[in-house]
């Protein structure tokens, strides 16, 4: 399981994006974001890019623990449908497909 632990913001999204892409290229299908505290719109773009990479390899991603602040951004930008092939679980256990 890939588990980034630093903020996922525009300041460091490229590093986290590349780490995740390497994990996905290695067959990873689960990304745990529970340790990610700070997010901004770059986090949403990162999730979408990761999902696209996984789908291109014939996989879908599972996010077992999505921070509430990231879930809020996904809702704000109305991109949950774009993440529809990935299972997204919010901290309270609610799943969005």
PDB file of N, CA and C in Angstrom:
ATOM      1  N   UNK A   1       0.843  -1.175   0.000  1.00  0.00           N
ATOM      2  CA  UNK A   1       0.000   0.000   0.000  1.00  0.00           C
ATOM      3  C   UNK A   1       0.891   1.242   0.000  1.00  0.00           C
ATOM      4  N   UNK A   2       0.610   2.150  -0.929  1.00  0.00           N
ATOM      5  CA  UNK A   2       1.320   3.422  -0.972  1.00  0.00           C
ATOM      6  C   UNK A   2       0.681   4.347   0.058  1.00  0.00           C
ATOM      7  N   UNK A   3       1.518   4.979   0.883  1.00  0.00           N
ATOM      8  CA  UNK A   3       1.008   5.814   1.973  1.00  0.00           C
ATOM      9  C   UNK A   3       1.830   7.089   2.105  1.00  0.00           C
ATOM     10  N   UNK A   4       1.490   8.128   1.347  1.00  0.00           N
ATOM     11  CA  UNK A   4       2.212   9.393   1.490  1.00  0.00           C
ATOM     12  C   UNK A   4       1.919  10.003   2.860  1.00  0.00           C
ATOM     13  N   UNK A   5       2.888  10.722   3.402  1.00  0.00           N
ATOM     14  CA  UNK A   5       2.694  11.260   4.747  1.00  0.00           C
ATOM     15  C   UNK A   5       2.938  12.761   4.838  1.00  0.00           C
ATOM     16  N   UNK A   6       3.291  13.400   3.757  1.00  0.00           N
ATOM     17  CA  UNK A   6       3.527  14.837   3.811  1.00  0.00           C
ATOM     18  C   UNK A   6       2.345  15.572   3.169  1.00  0.00           C
ATOM     19  N   UNK A   7       2.282  16.884   3.340  1.00  0.00           N
ATOM     20  CA  UNK A   7       1.176  17.628   2.741  1.00  0.00           C
ATOM     21  C   UNK A   7       1.093  17.381   1.235  1.00  0.00           C
ATOM     22  N   UNK A   8      -0.101  17.410   0.728  1.00  0.00           N
ATOM     23  CA  UNK A   8      -0.323  17.222  -0.710  1.00  0.00           C
ATOM     24  C   UNK A   8      -0.881  18.536  -1.242  1.00  0.00           C
ATOM     25  N   UNK A   9       0.049  19.463  -1.450  1.00  0.00           N
ATOM     26  CA  UNK A   9      -0.294  20.809  -1.893  1.00  0.00           C
ATOM     27  C   UNK A   9       0.543  21.157  -3.115  1.00  0.00           C
ATOM     28  N   UNK A  10       0.236  22.294  -3.712  1.00  0.00           N
ATOM     29  CA  UNK A  10       0.928  22.710  -4.921  1.00  0.00           C
ATOM     30  C   UNK A  10       2.446  22.779  -4.704  1.00  0.00           C
ATOM     31  N   UNK A  11       2.879  23.027  -3.487  1.00  0.00           N
ATOM     32  CA  UNK A  11       4.308  23.133  -3.197  1.00  0.00           C
ATOM     33  C   UNK A  11       5.074  21.837  -3.328  1.00  0.00           C
ATOM     34  N   UNK A  12       4.421  20.710  -3.131  1.00  0.00           N
ATOM     35  CA  UNK A  12       5.136  19.438  -3.211  1.00  0.00           C
ATOM     36  C   UNK A  12       4.363  18.361  -3.954  1.00  0.00           C
ATOM     37  N   UNK A  13       3.316  18.736  -4.650  1.00  0.00           N
ATOM     38  CA  UNK A  13       2.482  17.735  -5.338  1.00  0.00           C
ATOM     39  C   UNK A  13       3.271  16.936  -6.362  1.00  0.00           C
ATOM     40  N   UNK A  14       4.217  17.560  -7.027  1.00  0.00           N
ATOM     41  CA  UNK A  14       4.960  16.856  -8.071  1.00  0.00           C
ATOM     42  C   UNK A  14       5.703  15.650  -7.496  1.00  0.00           C
ATOM     43  N   UNK A  15       6.331  15.833  -6.349  1.00  0.00           N
ATOM     44  CA  UNK A  15       7.077  14.740  -5.716  1.00  0.00           C
ATOM     45  C   UNK A  15       6.126  13.606  -5.339  1.00  0.00           C
ATOM     46  N   UNK A  16       5.021  13.953  -4.686  1.00  0.00           N
ATOM     47  CA  UNK A  16       4.052  12.939  -4.269  1.00  0.00           C
ATOM     48  C   UNK A  16       3.401  12.275  -5.471  1.00  0.00           C
ATOM     49  N   UNK A  17       3.091  13.052  -6.488  1.00  0.00           N
ATOM     50  CA  UNK A  17       2.527  12.504  -7.719  1.00  0.00           C
ATOM     51  C   UNK A  17       3.454  11.459  -8.308  1.00  0.00           C
ATOM     52  N   UNK A  18       4.731  11.789  -8.433  1.00  0.00           N
ATOM     53  CA  UNK A  18       5.699  10.857  -9.019  1.00  0.00           C
ATOM     54  C   UNK A  18       5.872   9.609  -8.164  1.00  0.00           C
ATOM     55  N   UNK A  19       5.884   9.763  -6.841  1.00  0.00           N
ATOM     56  CA  UNK A  19       5.988   8.598  -5.951  1.00  0.00           C
ATOM     57  C   UNK A  19       4.793   7.667  -6.167  1.00  0.00           C
ATOM     58  N   UNK A  20       3.602   8.255  -6.248  1.00  0.00           N
ATOM     59  CA  UNK A  20       2.399   7.467  -6.465  1.00  0.00           C
ATOM     60  C   UNK A  20       2.389   6.783  -7.823  1.00  0.00           C
ATOM     61  N   UNK A  21       2.842   7.489  -8.845  1.00  0.00           N
ATOM     62  CA  UNK A  21       2.902   6.895 -10.180  1.00  0.00           C
ATOM     63  C   UNK A  21       3.857   5.706 -10.213  1.00  0.00           C
ATOM     64  N   UNK A  22       4.978   5.811  -9.490  1.00  0.00           N
ATOM     65  CA  UNK A  22       5.906   4.671  -9.411  1.00  0.00           C
ATOM     66  C   UNK A  22       5.247   3.494  -8.703  1.00  0.00           C
ATOM     67  N   UNK A  23       4.512   3.776  -7.636  1.00  0.00           N
ATOM     68  CA  UNK A  23       3.820   2.709  -6.907  1.00  0.00           C
ATOM     69  C   UNK A  23       2.773   2.043  -7.798  1.00  0.00           C
ATOM     70  N   UNK A  24       2.027   2.845  -8.534  1.00  0.00           N
ATOM     71  CA  UNK A  24       1.004   2.313  -9.439  1.00  0.00           C
ATOM     72  C   UNK A  24       1.649   1.492 -10.554  1.00  0.00           C
ATOM     73  N   UNK A  25       2.748   1.988 -11.091  1.00  0.00           N
ATOM     74  CA  UNK A  25       3.469   1.243 -12.136  1.00  0.00           C
ATOM     75  C   UNK A  25       3.948  -0.101 -11.601  1.00  0.00           C
ATOM     76  N   UNK A  26       4.219  -0.160 -10.296  1.00  0.00           N
ATOM     77  CA  UNK A  26       4.635  -1.405  -9.665  1.00  0.00           C
ATOM     78  C   UNK A  26       3.468  -2.309  -9.299  1.00  0.00           C
ATOM     79  N   UNK A  27       2.247  -1.910  -9.654  1.00  0.00           N
ATOM     80  CA  UNK A  27       1.082  -2.754  -9.402  1.00  0.00           C
ATOM     81  C   UNK A  27       0.238  -2.356  -8.212  1.00  0.00           C
ATOM     82  N   UNK A  28       0.585  -1.281  -7.535  1.00  0.00           N
ATOM     83  CA  UNK A  28      -0.174  -0.847  -6.361  1.00  0.00           C
ATOM     84  C   UNK A  28      -1.568  -0.396  -6.771  1.00  0.00           C
ATOM     85  N   UNK A  29      -2.565  -0.837  -6.022  1.00  0.00           N
ATOM     86  CA  UNK A  29      -3.943  -0.448  -6.299  1.00  0.00           C
ATOM     87  C   UNK A  29      -4.611   0.188  -5.084  1.00  0.00           C
ATOM     88  N   UNK A  30      -3.854   0.387  -4.013  1.00  0.00           N
ATOM     89  CA  UNK A  30      -4.410   0.978  -2.804  1.00  0.00           C
ATOM     90  C   UNK A  30      -3.510   2.115  -2.336  1.00  0.00           C
ATOM     91  N   UNK A  31      -4.120   3.271  -2.114  1.00  0.00           N
ATOM     92  CA  UNK A  31      -3.377   4.435  -1.641  1.00  0.00           C
ATOM     93  C   UNK A  31      -4.046   4.934  -0.371  1.00  0.00           C
ATOM     94  N   UNK A  32      -3.297   4.919   0.721  1.00  0.00           N
ATOM     95  CA  UNK A  32      -3.792   5.345   2.026  1.00  0.00           C
ATOM     96  C   UNK A  32      -3.356   6.789   2.259  1.00  0.00           C
ATOM     97  N   UNK A  33      -4.304   7.692   2.305  1.00  0.00           N
ATOM     98  CA  UNK A  33      -4.014   9.110   2.488  1.00  0.00           C
ATOM     99  C   UNK A  33      -4.283   9.582   3.913  1.00  0.00           C
ATOM    100  N   UNK A  34      -4.404   8.659   4.855  1.00  0.00           N
ATOM    101  CA  UNK A  34      -4.767   9.023   6.226  1.00  0.00           C
ATOM    102  C   UNK A  34      -3.727   9.904   6.921  1.00  0.00           C
ATOM    103  N   UNK A  35      -2.472   9.852   6.506  1.00  0.00           N
ATOM    104  CA  UNK A  35      -1.438  10.682   7.125  1.00  0.00           C
ATOM    105  C   UNK A  35      -1.272  12.041   6.464  1.00  0.00           C
ATOM    106  N   UNK A  36      -2.005  12.294   5.399  1.00  0.00           N
ATOM    107  CA  UNK A  36      -1.908  13.565   4.689  1.00  0.00           C
ATOM    108  C   UNK A  36      -2.830  14.562   5.387  1.00  0.00           C
ATOM    109  N   UNK A  37      -2.232  15.606   5.953  1.00  0.00           N
ATOM    110  CA  UNK A  37      -3.006  16.572   6.729  1.00  0.00           C
ATOM    111  C   UNK A  37      -3.403  17.781   5.882  1.00  0.00           C
ATOM    112  N   UNK A  38      -2.457  18.361   5.181  1.00  0.00           N
ATOM    113  CA  UNK A  38      -2.721  19.571   4.397  1.00  0.00           C
ATOM    114  C   UNK A  38      -2.921  19.203   2.936  1.00  0.00           C
ATOM    115  N   UNK A  39      -4.004  19.711   2.352  1.00  0.00           N
ATOM    116  CA  UNK A  39      -4.296  19.489   0.936  1.00  0.00           C
ATOM    117  C   UNK A  39      -4.792  20.782   0.311  1.00  0.00           C
ATOM    118  N   UNK A  40      -4.673  20.845  -0.990  1.00  0.00           N
ATOM    119  CA  UNK A  40      -5.297  21.914  -1.765  1.00  0.00           C
ATOM    120  C   UNK A  40      -5.729  21.309  -3.096  1.00  0.00           C
ATOM    121  N   UNK A  41      -6.056  22.130  -4.058  1.00  0.00           N
ATOM    122  CA  UNK A  41      -6.560  21.607  -5.330  1.00  0.00           C
ATOM    123  C   UNK A  41      -5.567  20.681  -6.021  1.00  0.00           C
ATOM    124  N   UNK A  42      -4.281  20.832  -5.723  1.00  0.00           N
ATOM    125  CA  UNK A  42      -3.282  19.934  -6.309  1.00  0.00           C
ATOM    126  C   UNK A  42      -3.513  18.496  -5.867  1.00  0.00           C
ATOM    127  N   UNK A  43      -4.064  18.285  -4.689  1.00  0.00           N
ATOM    128  CA  UNK A  43      -4.354  16.928  -4.212  1.00  0.00           C
ATOM    129  C   UNK A  43      -5.412  16.272  -5.081  1.00  0.00           C
ATOM    130  N   UNK A  44      -6.431  17.031  -5.452  1.00  0.00           N
ATOM    131  CA  UNK A  44      -7.489  16.495  -6.307  1.00  0.00           C
ATOM    132  C   UNK A  44      -6.914  16.125  -7.671  1.00  0.00           C
ATOM    133  N   UNK A  45      -6.105  17.006  -8.221  1.00  0.00           N
ATOM    134  CA  UNK A  45      -5.475  16.727  -9.512  1.00  0.00           C
ATOM    135  C   UNK A  45      -4.584  15.492  -9.429  1.00  0.00           C
ATOM    136  N   UNK A  46      -3.911  15.325  -8.308  1.00  0.00           N
ATOM    137  CA  UNK A  46      -3.040  14.163  -8.111  1.00  0.00           C
ATOM    138  C   UNK A  46      -3.849  12.876  -8.103  1.00  0.00           C
ATOM    139  N   UNK A  47      -4.959  12.852  -7.366  1.00  0.00           N
ATOM    140  CA  UNK A  47      -5.810  11.660  -7.339  1.00  0.00           C
ATOM    141  C   UNK A  47      -6.326  11.321  -8.730  1.00  0.00           C
ATOM    142  N   UNK A  48      -6.737  12.331  -9.469  1.00  0.00           N
ATOM    143  CA  UNK A  48      -7.236  12.082 -10.819  1.00  0.00           C
ATOM    144  C   UNK A  48      -6.143  11.530 -11.726  1.00  0.00           C
ATOM    145  N   UNK A  49      -4.942  12.041 -11.591  1.00  0.00           N
ATOM    146  CA  UNK A  49      -3.821  11.547 -12.399  1.00  0.00           C
ATOM    147  C   UNK A  49      -3.469  10.125 -12.017  1.00  0.00           C
ATOM    148  N   UNK A  50      -3.449   9.846 -10.716  1.00  0.00           N
ATOM    149  CA  UNK A  50      -3.170   8.480 -10.265  1.00  0.00           C
ATOM    150  C   UNK A  50      -4.216   7.518 -10.810  1.00  0.00           C
ATOM    151  N   UNK A  51      -5.480   7.908 -10.742  1.00  0.00           N
ATOM    152  CA  UNK A  51      -6.531   7.020 -11.224  1.00  0.00           C
ATOM    153  C   UNK A  51      -6.363   6.768 -12.714  1.00  0.00           C
ATOM    154  N   UNK A  52      -6.080   7.798 -13.466  1.00  0.00           N
ATOM    155  CA  UNK A  52      -5.880   7.651 -14.912  1.00  0.00           C
ATOM    156  C   UNK A  52      -4.738   6.673 -15.193  1.00  0.00           C
ATOM    157  N   UNK A  53      -3.646   6.807 -14.455  1.00  0.00           N
ATOM    158  CA  UNK A  53      -2.505   5.906 -14.639  1.00  0.00           C
ATOM    159  C   UNK A  53      -2.893   4.466 -14.327  1.00  0.00           C
ATOM    160  N   UNK A  54      -3.645   4.277 -13.250  1.00  0.00           N
ATOM    161  CA  UNK A  54      -4.069   2.920 -12.879  1.00  0.00           C
ATOM    162  C   UNK A  54      -5.005   2.346 -13.937  1.00  0.00           C
ATOM    163  N   UNK A  55      -5.948   3.148 -14.385  1.00  0.00           N
ATOM    164  CA  UNK A  55      -6.881   2.676 -15.408  1.00  0.00           C
ATOM    165  C   UNK A  55      -6.159   2.321 -16.693  1.00  0.00           C
ATOM    166  N   UNK A  56      -5.139   3.074 -17.032  1.00  0.00           N
ATOM    167  CA  UNK A  56      -4.352   2.770 -18.234  1.00  0.00           C
ATOM    168  C   UNK A  56      -3.626   1.439 -18.113  1.00  0.00           C
ATOM    169  N   UNK A  57      -3.424   0.973 -16.880  1.00  0.00           N
ATOM    170  CA  UNK A  57      -2.793  -0.330 -16.648  1.00  0.00           C
ATOM    171  C   UNK A  57      -3.835  -1.417 -16.390  1.00  0.00           C
ATOM    172  N   UNK A  58      -5.103  -1.063 -16.516  1.00  0.00           N
ATOM    173  CA  UNK A  58      -6.161  -2.047 -16.325  1.00  0.00           C
ATOM    174  C   UNK A  58      -6.561  -2.260 -14.882  1.00  0.00           C
ATOM    175  N   UNK A  59      -6.215  -1.331 -14.004  1.00  0.00           N
ATOM    176  CA  UNK A  59      -6.549  -1.429 -12.583  1.00  0.00           C
ATOM    177  C   UNK A  59      -7.420  -0.251 -12.179  1.00  0.00           C
ATOM    178  N   UNK A  60      -8.050  -0.356 -11.032  1.00  0.00           N
ATOM    179  CA  UNK A  60      -8.702   0.802 -10.428  1.00  0.00           C
ATOM    180  C   UNK A  60      -8.109   0.966  -9.040  1.00  0.00           C
ATOM    181  N   UNK A  61      -8.117   2.192  -8.561  1.00  0.00           N
ATOM    182  CA  UNK A  61      -7.524   2.488  -7.259  1.00  0.00           C
ATOM    183  C   UNK A  61      -8.559   2.419  -6.155  1.00  0.00           C
ATOM    184  N   UNK A  62      -8.084   2.104  -4.982  1.00  0.00           N
ATOM    185  CA  UNK A  62      -8.898   2.108  -3.772  1.00  0.00           C
ATOM    186  C   UNK A  62      -8.207   3.030  -2.782  1.00  0.00           C
ATOM    187  N   UNK A  63      -8.962   3.965  -2.213  1.00  0.00           N
ATOM    188  CA  UNK A  63      -8.443   4.887  -1.204  1.00  0.00           C
ATOM    189  C   UNK A  63      -9.122   4.528   0.119  1.00  0.00           C
ATOM    190  N   UNK A  64      -8.477   3.701   0.959  1.00  0.00           N
ATOM    191  CA  UNK A  64      -9.136   3.200   2.167  1.00  0.00           C
ATOM    192  C   UNK A  64      -9.392   4.265   3.225  1.00  0.00           C
ATOM    193  N   UNK A  65      -8.677   5.368   3.170  1.00  0.00           N
ATOM    194  CA  UNK A  65      -8.894   6.398   4.186  1.00  0.00           C
ATOM    195  C   UNK A  65      -8.606   7.768   3.567  1.00  0.00           C
ATOM    196  N   UNK A  66      -9.660   8.447   3.213  1.00  0.00           N
ATOM    197  CA  UNK A  66      -9.544   9.752   2.582  1.00  0.00           C
ATOM    198  C   UNK A  66      -9.842  10.829   3.622  1.00  0.00           C
ATOM    199  N   UNK A  67      -8.909  11.748   3.859  1.00  0.00           N
ATOM    200  CA  UNK A  67      -9.153  12.813   4.842  1.00  0.00           C
ATOM    201  C   UNK A  67     -10.387  13.644   4.472  1.00  0.00           C
ATOM    202  N   UNK A  68     -11.092  14.105   5.480  1.00  0.00           N
ATOM    203  CA  UNK A  68     -12.322  14.866   5.265  1.00  0.00           C
ATOM    204  C   UNK A  68     -12.071  16.130   4.445  1.00  0.00           C
ATOM    205  N   UNK A  69     -10.915  16.780   4.659  1.00  0.00           N
ATOM    206  CA  UNK A  69     -10.648  18.001   3.904  1.00  0.00           C
ATOM    207  C   UNK A  69     -10.463  17.711   2.411  1.00  0.00           C
ATOM    208  N   UNK A  70      -9.922  16.563   2.083  1.00  0.00           N
ATOM    209  CA  UNK A  70      -9.779  16.187   0.678  1.00  0.00           C
ATOM    210  C   UNK A  70     -11.129  15.790   0.088  1.00  0.00           C
ATOM    211  N   UNK A  71     -11.929  15.100   0.853  1.00  0.00           N
ATOM    212  CA  UNK A  71     -13.280  14.749   0.413  1.00  0.00           C
ATOM    213  C   UNK A  71     -14.081  16.026   0.136  1.00  0.00           C
ATOM    214  N   UNK A  72     -13.910  17.025   0.963  1.00  0.00           N
ATOM    215  CA  UNK A  72     -14.602  18.300   0.752  1.00  0.00           C
ATOM    216  C   UNK A  72     -14.197  18.945  -0.564  1.00  0.00           C
ATOM    217  N   UNK A  73     -12.909  18.886  -0.880  1.00  0.00           N
ATOM    218  CA  UNK A  73     -12.443  19.445  -2.144  1.00  0.00           C
ATOM    219  C   UNK A  73     -12.997  18.664  -3.338  1.00  0.00           C
ATOM    220  N   UNK A  74     -13.046  17.358  -3.213  1.00  0.00           N
ATOM    221  CA  UNK A  74     -13.612  16.527  -4.281  1.00  0.00           C
ATOM    222  C   UNK A  74     -15.065  16.920  -4.521  1.00  0.00           C
ATOM    223  N   UNK A  75     -15.797  17.136  -3.433  1.00  0.00           N
ATOM    224  CA  UNK A  75     -17.191  17.561  -3.565  1.00  0.00           C
ATOM    225  C   UNK A  75     -17.286  18.978  -4.127  1.00  0.00           C
ATOM    226  N   UNK A  76     -16.437  19.880  -3.636  1.00  0.00           N
ATOM    227  CA  UNK A  76     -16.447  21.261  -4.088  1.00  0.00           C
ATOM    228  C   UNK A  76     -16.218  21.367  -5.591  1.00  0.00           C
ATOM    229  N   UNK A  77     -15.240  20.607  -6.091  1.00  0.00           N
ATOM    230  CA  UNK A  77     -14.914  20.642  -7.514  1.00  0.00           C
ATOM    231  C   UNK A  77     -15.795  19.712  -8.341  1.00  0.00           C
ATOM    232  N   UNK A  78     -16.689  19.002  -7.662  1.00  0.00           N
ATOM    233  CA  UNK A  78     -17.645  18.121  -8.323  1.00  0.00           C
ATOM    234  C   UNK A  78     -16.956  17.120  -9.253  1.00  0.00           C
ATOM    235  N   UNK A  79     -15.926  16.464  -8.723  1.00  0.00           N
ATOM    236  CA  UNK A  79     -15.180  15.496  -9.525  1.00  0.00           C
ATOM    237  C   UNK A  79     -15.330  14.064  -9.008  1.00  0.00           C
ATOM    238  N   UNK A  80     -16.259  13.851  -8.093  1.00  0.00           N
ATOM    239  CA  UNK A  80     -16.454  12.495  -7.575  1.00  0.00           C
ATOM    240  C   UNK A  80     -16.766  11.515  -8.698  1.00  0.00           C
ATOM    241  N   UNK A  81     -17.522  11.968  -9.689  1.00  0.00           N
ATOM    242  CA  UNK A  81     -17.862  11.097 -10.817  1.00  0.00           C
ATOM    243  C   UNK A  81     -16.607  10.705 -11.602  1.00  0.00           C
ATOM    244  N   UNK A  82     -15.647  11.620 -11.690  1.00  0.00           N
ATOM    245  CA  UNK A  82     -14.405  11.304 -12.391  1.00  0.00           C
ATOM    246  C   UNK A  82     -13.577  10.278 -11.631  1.00  0.00           C
ATOM    247  N   UNK A  83     -13.834  10.175 -10.347  1.00  0.00           N
ATOM    248  CA  UNK A  83     -13.157   9.172  -9.527  1.00  0.00           C
ATOM    249  C   UNK A  83     -14.032   7.934  -9.363  1.00  0.00           C
ATOM    250  N   UNK A  84     -15.076   7.825 -10.162  1.00  0.00           N
ATOM    251  CA  UNK A  84     -16.086   6.786  -9.957  1.00  0.00           C
ATOM    252  C   UNK A  84     -15.548   5.369 -10.061  1.00  0.00           C
ATOM    253  N   UNK A  85     -14.488   5.158 -10.803  1.00  0.00           N
ATOM    254  CA  UNK A  85     -13.961   3.792 -10.880  1.00  0.00           C
ATOM    255  C   UNK A  85     -13.042   3.492  -9.715  1.00  0.00           C
ATOM    256  N   UNK A  86     -12.765   4.493  -8.903  1.00  0.00           N
ATOM    257  CA  UNK A  86     -11.979   4.286  -7.688  1.00  0.00           C
ATOM    258  C   UNK A  86     -12.937   4.327  -6.514  1.00  0.00           C
ATOM    259  N   UNK A  87     -12.713   3.493  -5.543  1.00  0.00           N
ATOM    260  CA  UNK A  87     -13.514   3.517  -4.333  1.00  0.00           C
ATOM    261  C   UNK A  87     -12.864   4.488  -3.367  1.00  0.00           C
ATOM    262  N   UNK A  88     -13.638   5.441  -2.925  1.00  0.00           N
ATOM    263  CA  UNK A  88     -13.129   6.457  -2.018  1.00  0.00           C
ATOM    264  C   UNK A  88     -13.898   6.325  -0.717  1.00  0.00           C
ATOM    265  N   UNK A  89     -13.184   6.110   0.388  1.00  0.00           N
ATOM    266  CA  UNK A  89     -13.817   6.030   1.686  1.00  0.00           C
ATOM    267  C   UNK A  89     -13.451   7.261   2.488  1.00  0.00           C
ATOM    268  N   UNK A  90     -14.452   7.908   3.037  1.00  0.00           N
ATOM    269  CA  UNK A  90     -14.235   9.065   3.887  1.00  0.00           C
ATOM    270  C   UNK A  90     -13.932   8.559   5.280  1.00  0.00           C
ATOM    271  N   UNK A  91     -13.351   9.389   6.121  1.00  0.00           N
ATOM    272  CA  UNK A  91     -12.978   9.000   7.470  1.00  0.00           C
ATOM    273  C   UNK A  91     -14.108   8.356   8.256  1.00  0.00           C
ATOM    274  N   UNK A  92     -15.371   8.706   7.999  1.00  0.00           N
ATOM    275  CA  UNK A  92     -16.482   8.131   8.733  1.00  0.00           C
ATOM    276  C   UNK A  92     -16.951   6.809   8.147  1.00  0.00           C
ATOM    277  N   UNK A  93     -16.242   6.303   7.141  1.00  0.00           N
ATOM    278  CA  UNK A  93     -16.576   5.010   6.557  1.00  0.00           C
ATOM    279  C   UNK A  93     -17.523   5.095   5.385  1.00  0.00           C
ATOM    280  N   UNK A  94     -17.994   6.291   5.065  1.00  0.00           N
ATOM    281  CA  UNK A  94     -18.865   6.461   3.924  1.00  0.00           C
ATOM    282  C   UNK A  94     -18.089   6.213   2.650  1.00  0.00           C
ATOM    283  N   UNK A  95     -18.672   5.494   1.735  1.00  0.00           N
ATOM    284  CA  UNK A  95     -17.988   5.225   0.463  1.00  0.00           C
ATOM    285  C   UNK A  95     -18.636   6.022  -0.645  1.00  0.00           C
ATOM    286  N   UNK A  96     -17.793   6.588  -1.494  1.00  0.00           N
ATOM    287  CA  UNK A  96     -18.249   7.256  -2.707  1.00  0.00           C
ATOM    288  C   UNK A  96     -17.677   6.462  -3.868  1.00  0.00           C
ATOM    289  N   UNK A  97     -18.496   6.161  -4.829  1.00  0.00           N
ATOM    290  CA  UNK A  97     -18.033   5.402  -5.996  1.00  0.00           C
ATOM    291  C   UNK A  97     -18.118   6.257  -7.223  1.00  0.00           C
TER     292      UNK A  97
END
